[in-house]
N, C-alpha and C. Protein backbone atom coordinates (compact mmCIF):
# COMPACT_ATOMS: atom_id res chain seq x y z
N UNK A 1 79.30 206.37 3.13
CA UNK A 1 78.76 207.09 4.25
C UNK A 1 77.75 206.22 5.01
N UNK A 2 76.73 205.69 4.29
CA UNK A 2 75.74 204.82 4.92
C UNK A 2 75.95 203.40 4.41
N UNK A 3 76.35 202.51 5.31
CA UNK A 3 76.57 201.11 4.93
C UNK A 3 75.38 200.23 5.31
N UNK A 4 74.69 200.61 6.38
CA UNK A 4 73.56 199.82 6.87
C UNK A 4 72.41 200.76 7.21
N UNK A 5 71.27 200.54 6.57
CA UNK A 5 70.10 201.38 6.78
C UNK A 5 68.96 200.53 7.31
N UNK A 6 68.32 201.01 8.38
CA UNK A 6 67.13 200.36 8.93
C UNK A 6 65.92 201.21 8.60
N UNK A 7 64.92 200.59 7.99
CA UNK A 7 63.64 201.23 7.73
C UNK A 7 62.64 200.69 8.74
N UNK A 8 62.00 201.56 9.51
CA UNK A 8 60.88 201.14 10.35
C UNK A 8 59.68 201.09 9.41
N UNK A 9 59.07 199.92 9.26
CA UNK A 9 58.09 199.74 8.20
C UNK A 9 56.85 199.00 8.68
N UNK A 10 55.69 199.65 8.52
CA UNK A 10 54.44 198.98 8.87
C UNK A 10 53.43 199.01 7.73
N UNK A 11 53.86 199.45 6.57
CA UNK A 11 53.00 199.44 5.39
C UNK A 11 52.10 200.65 5.26
N UNK A 12 52.10 201.56 6.24
CA UNK A 12 51.27 202.75 6.15
C UNK A 12 51.80 203.67 5.05
N UNK A 13 50.96 204.60 4.64
CA UNK A 13 51.37 205.57 3.62
C UNK A 13 52.64 206.31 4.05
N UNK A 14 52.73 206.64 5.34
CA UNK A 14 53.90 207.36 5.84
C UNK A 14 55.17 206.50 5.72
N UNK A 15 55.04 205.23 5.99
CA UNK A 15 56.21 204.34 5.87
C UNK A 15 56.57 204.08 4.41
N UNK A 16 55.56 204.08 3.54
CA UNK A 16 55.86 203.96 2.10
C UNK A 16 56.59 205.20 1.61
N UNK A 17 56.21 206.39 2.13
CA UNK A 17 56.95 207.61 1.81
C UNK A 17 58.41 207.48 2.25
N UNK A 18 58.61 206.96 3.45
CA UNK A 18 59.97 206.80 3.97
C UNK A 18 60.77 205.83 3.11
N UNK A 19 60.13 204.77 2.65
CA UNK A 19 60.80 203.82 1.78
C UNK A 19 61.21 204.50 0.48
N UNK A 20 60.30 205.28 -0.10
CA UNK A 20 60.61 206.00 -1.34
C UNK A 20 61.79 206.96 -1.16
N UNK A 21 61.83 207.65 -0.03
CA UNK A 21 62.93 208.59 0.21
C UNK A 21 64.25 207.87 0.49
N UNK A 22 64.16 206.72 1.11
CA UNK A 22 65.37 206.00 1.47
C UNK A 22 65.99 205.19 0.36
N UNK A 23 65.19 204.77 -0.60
CA UNK A 23 65.71 203.92 -1.68
C UNK A 23 66.86 204.60 -2.44
N UNK A 24 66.73 205.87 -2.87
CA UNK A 24 67.87 206.48 -3.58
C UNK A 24 69.14 206.55 -2.72
N UNK A 25 68.99 206.81 -1.42
CA UNK A 25 70.17 206.82 -0.54
C UNK A 25 70.82 205.45 -0.48
N UNK A 26 69.99 204.43 -0.28
CA UNK A 26 70.52 203.06 -0.20
C UNK A 26 71.21 202.67 -1.50
N UNK A 27 70.62 203.07 -2.63
CA UNK A 27 71.24 202.75 -3.93
C UNK A 27 72.55 203.50 -4.11
N UNK A 28 72.56 204.77 -3.73
CA UNK A 28 73.77 205.58 -3.91
C UNK A 28 74.95 205.01 -3.13
N UNK A 29 74.69 204.53 -1.91
CA UNK A 29 75.78 204.03 -1.06
C UNK A 29 75.88 202.51 -1.06
N UNK A 30 75.07 201.84 -1.89
CA UNK A 30 75.05 200.38 -1.95
C UNK A 30 74.94 199.80 -0.53
N UNK A 31 74.00 200.35 0.22
CA UNK A 31 73.84 199.99 1.63
C UNK A 31 73.04 198.70 1.79
N UNK A 32 73.37 197.97 2.82
CA UNK A 32 72.55 196.84 3.23
C UNK A 32 71.32 197.41 3.92
N UNK A 33 70.15 196.92 3.56
CA UNK A 33 68.90 197.46 4.10
C UNK A 33 68.20 196.43 4.98
N UNK A 34 67.59 196.93 6.03
CA UNK A 34 66.80 196.10 6.94
C UNK A 34 65.45 196.76 7.11
N UNK A 35 64.39 196.03 6.80
CA UNK A 35 63.04 196.50 7.09
C UNK A 35 62.61 195.88 8.40
N UNK A 36 62.19 196.71 9.32
CA UNK A 36 61.77 196.25 10.64
C UNK A 36 60.31 196.57 10.87
N UNK A 37 59.52 195.54 11.15
CA UNK A 37 58.13 195.72 11.55
C UNK A 37 58.03 195.39 13.03
N UNK A 38 57.39 196.26 13.78
CA UNK A 38 57.25 196.05 15.22
C UNK A 38 55.77 195.84 15.54
N UNK A 39 55.50 194.73 16.21
CA UNK A 39 54.15 194.45 16.68
C UNK A 39 54.15 194.70 18.17
N UNK A 40 53.40 195.70 18.61
CA UNK A 40 53.36 195.98 20.06
C UNK A 40 52.75 194.81 20.82
N UNK A 41 53.40 194.42 21.91
CA UNK A 41 52.85 193.36 22.74
C UNK A 41 51.68 193.90 23.53
N UNK A 42 50.72 193.04 23.83
CA UNK A 42 49.58 193.50 24.63
C UNK A 42 50.04 193.86 26.04
N UNK A 43 49.35 194.79 26.69
CA UNK A 43 49.70 195.12 28.07
C UNK A 43 49.59 193.89 28.97
N UNK A 44 50.49 193.80 29.95
CA UNK A 44 50.51 192.65 30.85
C UNK A 44 49.18 192.45 31.56
N UNK A 45 48.53 193.53 31.92
CA UNK A 45 47.25 193.44 32.62
C UNK A 45 46.21 192.72 31.76
N UNK A 46 46.18 193.01 30.48
CA UNK A 46 45.23 192.35 29.59
C UNK A 46 45.56 190.87 29.45
N UNK A 47 46.85 190.53 29.40
CA UNK A 47 47.26 189.14 29.28
C UNK A 47 46.87 188.35 30.52
N UNK A 48 47.07 188.92 31.69
CA UNK A 48 46.74 188.25 32.94
C UNK A 48 45.24 188.09 33.07
N UNK A 49 44.49 189.09 32.65
CA UNK A 49 43.03 189.05 32.75
C UNK A 49 42.38 188.12 31.74
N UNK A 50 43.16 187.61 30.79
CA UNK A 50 42.62 186.70 29.80
C UNK A 50 41.66 187.37 28.83
N UNK A 51 41.84 188.64 28.58
CA UNK A 51 40.92 189.39 27.74
C UNK A 51 41.29 189.37 26.26
N UNK A 52 42.39 188.75 25.91
CA UNK A 52 42.84 188.77 24.52
C UNK A 52 42.17 187.67 23.72
N UNK A 53 41.71 187.99 22.52
CA UNK A 53 41.11 186.95 21.66
C UNK A 53 42.14 185.88 21.32
N UNK A 54 41.68 184.65 21.23
CA UNK A 54 42.55 183.53 20.89
C UNK A 54 43.19 183.75 19.51
N UNK A 55 44.49 183.55 19.42
CA UNK A 55 45.20 183.67 18.15
C UNK A 55 45.50 185.08 17.71
N UNK A 56 45.31 186.06 18.59
CA UNK A 56 45.53 187.45 18.21
C UNK A 56 46.96 187.70 17.74
N UNK A 57 47.95 187.24 18.49
CA UNK A 57 49.35 187.47 18.12
C UNK A 57 49.68 186.80 16.79
N UNK A 58 49.18 185.59 16.58
CA UNK A 58 49.43 184.88 15.33
C UNK A 58 48.87 185.65 14.14
N UNK A 59 47.66 186.22 14.30
CA UNK A 59 47.06 187.02 13.23
C UNK A 59 47.88 188.27 12.96
N UNK A 60 48.33 188.92 14.03
CA UNK A 60 49.16 190.12 13.88
C UNK A 60 50.47 189.79 13.16
N UNK A 61 51.08 188.67 13.52
CA UNK A 61 52.33 188.25 12.87
C UNK A 61 52.11 187.97 11.39
N UNK A 62 51.04 187.28 11.05
CA UNK A 62 50.75 186.97 9.65
C UNK A 62 50.53 188.26 8.85
N UNK A 63 49.78 189.19 9.42
CA UNK A 63 49.52 190.46 8.75
C UNK A 63 50.81 191.25 8.56
N UNK A 64 51.62 191.33 9.62
CA UNK A 64 52.89 192.06 9.54
C UNK A 64 53.83 191.42 8.52
N UNK A 65 53.84 190.10 8.46
CA UNK A 65 54.70 189.41 7.52
C UNK A 65 54.31 189.73 6.08
N UNK A 66 53.00 189.78 5.79
CA UNK A 66 52.54 190.11 4.43
C UNK A 66 52.94 191.53 4.05
N UNK A 67 52.77 192.47 4.97
CA UNK A 67 53.14 193.87 4.73
C UNK A 67 54.64 193.99 4.53
N UNK A 68 55.39 193.33 5.39
CA UNK A 68 56.85 193.39 5.33
C UNK A 68 57.37 192.83 4.01
N UNK A 69 56.77 191.75 3.55
CA UNK A 69 57.21 191.13 2.30
C UNK A 69 57.03 192.07 1.11
N UNK A 70 55.96 192.87 1.11
CA UNK A 70 55.77 193.85 0.04
C UNK A 70 56.89 194.88 0.05
N UNK A 71 57.26 195.36 1.24
CA UNK A 71 58.35 196.32 1.34
C UNK A 71 59.69 195.74 0.92
N UNK A 72 59.94 194.50 1.33
CA UNK A 72 61.19 193.82 0.95
C UNK A 72 61.27 193.69 -0.56
N UNK A 73 60.16 193.30 -1.18
CA UNK A 73 60.13 193.16 -2.64
C UNK A 73 60.41 194.48 -3.34
N UNK A 74 59.89 195.58 -2.79
CA UNK A 74 60.14 196.91 -3.38
C UNK A 74 61.63 197.22 -3.42
N UNK A 75 62.32 196.90 -2.33
CA UNK A 75 63.76 197.17 -2.28
C UNK A 75 64.54 196.20 -3.17
N UNK A 76 64.16 194.94 -3.17
CA UNK A 76 64.84 193.96 -4.03
C UNK A 76 64.67 194.29 -5.50
N UNK A 77 63.49 194.80 -5.86
CA UNK A 77 63.24 195.19 -7.25
C UNK A 77 64.19 196.30 -7.70
N UNK A 78 64.72 197.07 -6.76
CA UNK A 78 65.69 198.13 -7.07
C UNK A 78 67.13 197.62 -7.02
N UNK A 79 67.29 196.30 -6.78
CA UNK A 79 68.61 195.71 -6.76
C UNK A 79 69.34 195.84 -5.42
N UNK A 80 68.61 196.15 -4.37
CA UNK A 80 69.23 196.34 -3.06
C UNK A 80 69.25 195.04 -2.25
N UNK A 81 70.25 194.94 -1.38
CA UNK A 81 70.34 193.82 -0.44
C UNK A 81 69.43 194.17 0.73
N UNK A 82 68.48 193.29 1.05
CA UNK A 82 67.51 193.61 2.09
C UNK A 82 67.09 192.37 2.87
N UNK A 83 66.87 192.58 4.16
CA UNK A 83 66.28 191.55 5.00
C UNK A 83 65.07 192.17 5.70
N UNK A 84 64.10 191.34 5.99
CA UNK A 84 62.93 191.79 6.72
C UNK A 84 62.87 191.11 8.08
N UNK A 85 62.53 191.86 9.10
CA UNK A 85 62.49 191.33 10.46
C UNK A 85 61.23 191.83 11.15
N UNK A 86 60.61 190.94 11.91
CA UNK A 86 59.46 191.31 12.73
C UNK A 86 59.87 191.14 14.19
N UNK A 87 59.56 192.12 14.99
CA UNK A 87 59.82 192.05 16.44
C UNK A 87 58.53 192.35 17.18
N UNK A 88 58.31 191.64 18.25
CA UNK A 88 57.22 192.00 19.16
C UNK A 88 57.87 192.72 20.33
N UNK A 89 57.32 193.88 20.65
CA UNK A 89 57.93 194.72 21.67
C UNK A 89 56.85 195.64 22.23
N UNK A 90 56.94 195.97 23.50
CA UNK A 90 55.93 196.84 24.10
C UNK A 90 55.99 198.24 23.52
N UNK A 91 57.18 198.77 23.35
CA UNK A 91 57.35 200.12 22.81
C UNK A 91 58.08 200.05 21.47
N UNK A 92 57.44 200.44 20.37
CA UNK A 92 58.08 200.38 19.06
C UNK A 92 59.40 201.13 18.99
N UNK A 93 59.48 202.30 19.63
CA UNK A 93 60.72 203.07 19.62
C UNK A 93 61.89 202.29 20.22
N UNK A 94 61.64 201.61 21.32
CA UNK A 94 62.70 200.80 21.94
C UNK A 94 63.14 199.67 21.02
N UNK A 95 62.18 199.06 20.32
CA UNK A 95 62.52 197.98 19.40
C UNK A 95 63.42 198.49 18.27
N UNK A 96 63.10 199.66 17.75
CA UNK A 96 63.90 200.25 16.67
C UNK A 96 65.31 200.55 17.17
N UNK A 97 65.43 201.10 18.36
CA UNK A 97 66.74 201.42 18.94
C UNK A 97 67.58 200.17 19.12
N UNK A 98 66.99 199.13 19.69
CA UNK A 98 67.72 197.87 19.89
C UNK A 98 68.14 197.27 18.55
N UNK A 99 67.25 197.31 17.58
CA UNK A 99 67.55 196.73 16.28
C UNK A 99 68.67 197.52 15.58
N UNK A 100 68.65 198.83 15.72
CA UNK A 100 69.72 199.65 15.13
C UNK A 100 71.07 199.28 15.74
N UNK A 101 71.10 199.05 17.06
CA UNK A 101 72.34 198.60 17.70
C UNK A 101 72.77 197.24 17.16
N UNK A 102 71.82 196.31 17.09
CA UNK A 102 72.12 194.94 16.63
C UNK A 102 72.72 194.92 15.23
N UNK A 103 72.15 195.72 14.35
CA UNK A 103 72.57 195.68 12.95
C UNK A 103 73.75 196.60 12.65
N UNK A 104 74.14 197.42 13.61
CA UNK A 104 75.21 198.39 13.37
C UNK A 104 74.77 199.45 12.38
N UNK A 105 73.51 199.87 12.46
CA UNK A 105 72.94 200.83 11.49
C UNK A 105 73.68 202.16 11.52
N UNK A 106 73.84 202.73 10.33
CA UNK A 106 74.38 204.08 10.16
C UNK A 106 73.24 205.09 10.05
N UNK A 107 72.06 204.58 9.67
CA UNK A 107 70.91 205.45 9.43
C UNK A 107 69.63 204.66 9.70
N UNK A 108 68.69 205.31 10.37
CA UNK A 108 67.34 204.77 10.55
C UNK A 108 66.40 205.73 9.84
N UNK A 109 65.46 205.16 9.07
CA UNK A 109 64.50 205.95 8.33
C UNK A 109 63.10 205.60 8.82
N UNK A 110 62.35 206.62 9.19
CA UNK A 110 60.97 206.43 9.66
C UNK A 110 60.06 207.40 8.92
N UNK A 111 58.78 207.06 8.87
CA UNK A 111 57.77 207.96 8.33
C UNK A 111 57.18 208.79 9.45
N UNK A 112 56.76 209.99 9.12
CA UNK A 112 56.15 210.87 10.12
C UNK A 112 54.64 210.74 10.08
N UNK A 113 54.04 210.43 11.21
CA UNK A 113 52.59 210.33 11.34
C UNK A 113 52.10 211.60 12.02
N UNK A 114 51.38 212.43 11.27
CA UNK A 114 50.87 213.68 11.84
C UNK A 114 49.78 213.37 12.87
N UNK A 115 49.94 213.94 14.06
CA UNK A 115 48.99 213.74 15.15
C UNK A 115 48.83 215.03 15.92
N UNK A 116 47.79 215.09 16.71
CA UNK A 116 47.55 216.29 17.51
C UNK A 116 48.54 216.37 18.66
N UNK A 117 48.67 217.54 19.23
CA UNK A 117 49.55 217.73 20.39
C UNK A 117 49.10 216.85 21.55
N UNK A 118 47.78 216.79 21.76
CA UNK A 118 47.26 215.96 22.84
C UNK A 118 47.59 214.49 22.61
N UNK A 119 47.43 214.01 21.40
CA UNK A 119 47.73 212.61 21.09
C UNK A 119 49.21 212.31 21.31
N UNK A 120 50.10 213.22 20.92
CA UNK A 120 51.53 213.00 21.15
C UNK A 120 51.85 212.98 22.65
N UNK A 121 51.19 213.87 23.40
CA UNK A 121 51.41 213.88 24.84
C UNK A 121 50.91 212.59 25.47
N UNK A 122 49.74 212.13 25.08
CA UNK A 122 49.12 210.95 25.66
C UNK A 122 49.86 209.67 25.27
N UNK A 123 50.15 209.53 23.99
CA UNK A 123 50.73 208.28 23.48
C UNK A 123 52.25 208.33 23.32
N UNK A 124 52.82 209.51 23.37
CA UNK A 124 54.25 209.63 23.14
C UNK A 124 54.57 209.71 21.66
N UNK A 125 55.82 209.87 21.36
CA UNK A 125 56.26 210.00 19.98
C UNK A 125 57.47 209.10 19.77
N UNK A 126 57.34 208.18 18.83
CA UNK A 126 58.46 207.29 18.51
C UNK A 126 59.65 208.11 18.03
N UNK A 127 59.38 209.10 17.17
CA UNK A 127 60.46 209.93 16.64
C UNK A 127 61.26 210.63 17.71
N UNK A 128 60.57 211.19 18.70
CA UNK A 128 61.30 211.88 19.78
C UNK A 128 62.15 210.92 20.59
N UNK A 129 61.64 209.73 20.86
CA UNK A 129 62.45 208.78 21.63
C UNK A 129 63.67 208.33 20.83
N UNK A 130 63.51 208.24 19.51
CA UNK A 130 64.65 207.85 18.67
C UNK A 130 65.73 208.91 18.68
N UNK A 131 65.33 210.17 18.64
CA UNK A 131 66.32 211.26 18.63
C UNK A 131 67.27 211.18 19.81
N UNK A 132 66.76 210.81 20.96
CA UNK A 132 67.57 210.80 22.17
C UNK A 132 68.40 209.53 22.36
N UNK A 133 68.03 208.44 21.68
CA UNK A 133 68.66 207.16 22.02
C UNK A 133 69.27 206.37 20.87
N UNK A 134 69.09 206.81 19.64
CA UNK A 134 69.66 206.06 18.52
C UNK A 134 71.18 206.21 18.48
N UNK A 135 71.88 205.15 18.04
CA UNK A 135 73.33 205.22 17.92
C UNK A 135 73.77 205.76 16.56
N UNK A 136 72.82 206.27 15.76
CA UNK A 136 73.14 206.67 14.40
C UNK A 136 72.24 207.83 13.97
N UNK A 137 72.35 208.20 12.71
CA UNK A 137 71.52 209.28 12.16
C UNK A 137 70.08 208.81 11.98
N UNK A 138 69.18 209.78 11.94
CA UNK A 138 67.75 209.52 11.76
C UNK A 138 67.21 210.39 10.64
N UNK A 139 66.52 209.77 9.68
CA UNK A 139 65.85 210.50 8.63
C UNK A 139 64.35 210.31 8.86
N UNK A 140 63.63 211.41 8.98
CA UNK A 140 62.18 211.37 9.15
C UNK A 140 61.56 211.87 7.85
N UNK A 141 60.87 210.97 7.15
CA UNK A 141 60.23 211.32 5.88
C UNK A 141 58.90 211.99 6.18
N UNK A 142 58.69 213.15 5.63
CA UNK A 142 57.45 213.89 5.84
C UNK A 142 56.40 213.41 4.85
N UNK A 143 55.12 213.46 5.24
CA UNK A 143 54.04 213.00 4.35
C UNK A 143 54.03 213.74 3.03
N UNK A 144 53.68 213.02 2.00
CA UNK A 144 53.59 213.58 0.64
C UNK A 144 52.14 213.62 0.20
N UNK A 145 51.92 214.15 -0.98
CA UNK A 145 50.59 214.18 -1.58
C UNK A 145 50.14 212.74 -1.82
N UNK A 146 49.10 212.30 -1.14
CA UNK A 146 48.62 210.92 -1.20
C UNK A 146 48.17 210.49 -2.59
N UNK A 147 47.44 211.32 -3.30
CA UNK A 147 46.87 210.92 -4.58
C UNK A 147 47.94 210.56 -5.59
N UNK A 148 49.03 211.29 -5.64
CA UNK A 148 50.05 211.04 -6.65
C UNK A 148 51.07 210.01 -6.19
N UNK A 149 51.12 209.69 -4.91
CA UNK A 149 52.16 208.82 -4.39
C UNK A 149 51.71 207.41 -4.00
N UNK A 150 50.45 207.19 -3.69
CA UNK A 150 50.01 205.93 -3.10
C UNK A 150 50.33 204.68 -3.92
N UNK A 151 50.37 204.75 -5.20
CA UNK A 151 50.57 203.54 -6.00
C UNK A 151 52.00 203.34 -6.47
N UNK A 152 52.93 204.14 -6.03
CA UNK A 152 54.30 204.03 -6.51
C UNK A 152 55.13 202.97 -5.79
N UNK A 153 54.83 202.63 -4.55
CA UNK A 153 55.60 201.60 -3.82
C UNK A 153 54.64 200.55 -3.33
């Protein structure tokens, strides 16, 4: 059923929950797994104005790579085939959609970040944009009890 699964992964507790929920599915279907970390690009106005600290993108890439490697190791420890990819993109939802197309994903798994209605209106929702534009199924992992889950992945 699922041959290729993309996990949107940034190392947050919500994304670790998504990884935990997705691992049994990936194992059951012997799916190829892709962990995708998206680093939002700075707004063009800030880049033109020269307001960005020197080496900011390099620091973000190094941090994302360390987080991504932990997630990749978690999947490999379960015997799964996995690759890790970092993309810089203005809108994380667009990056996930493009990556799902590129990899021929059957399923995308994301963690749910609880936010206020105002925050969702102001900043948008990655999950909602994925629902309308993904070429495949979407699994949204809901937050779990932090105390009992934080050290498992």
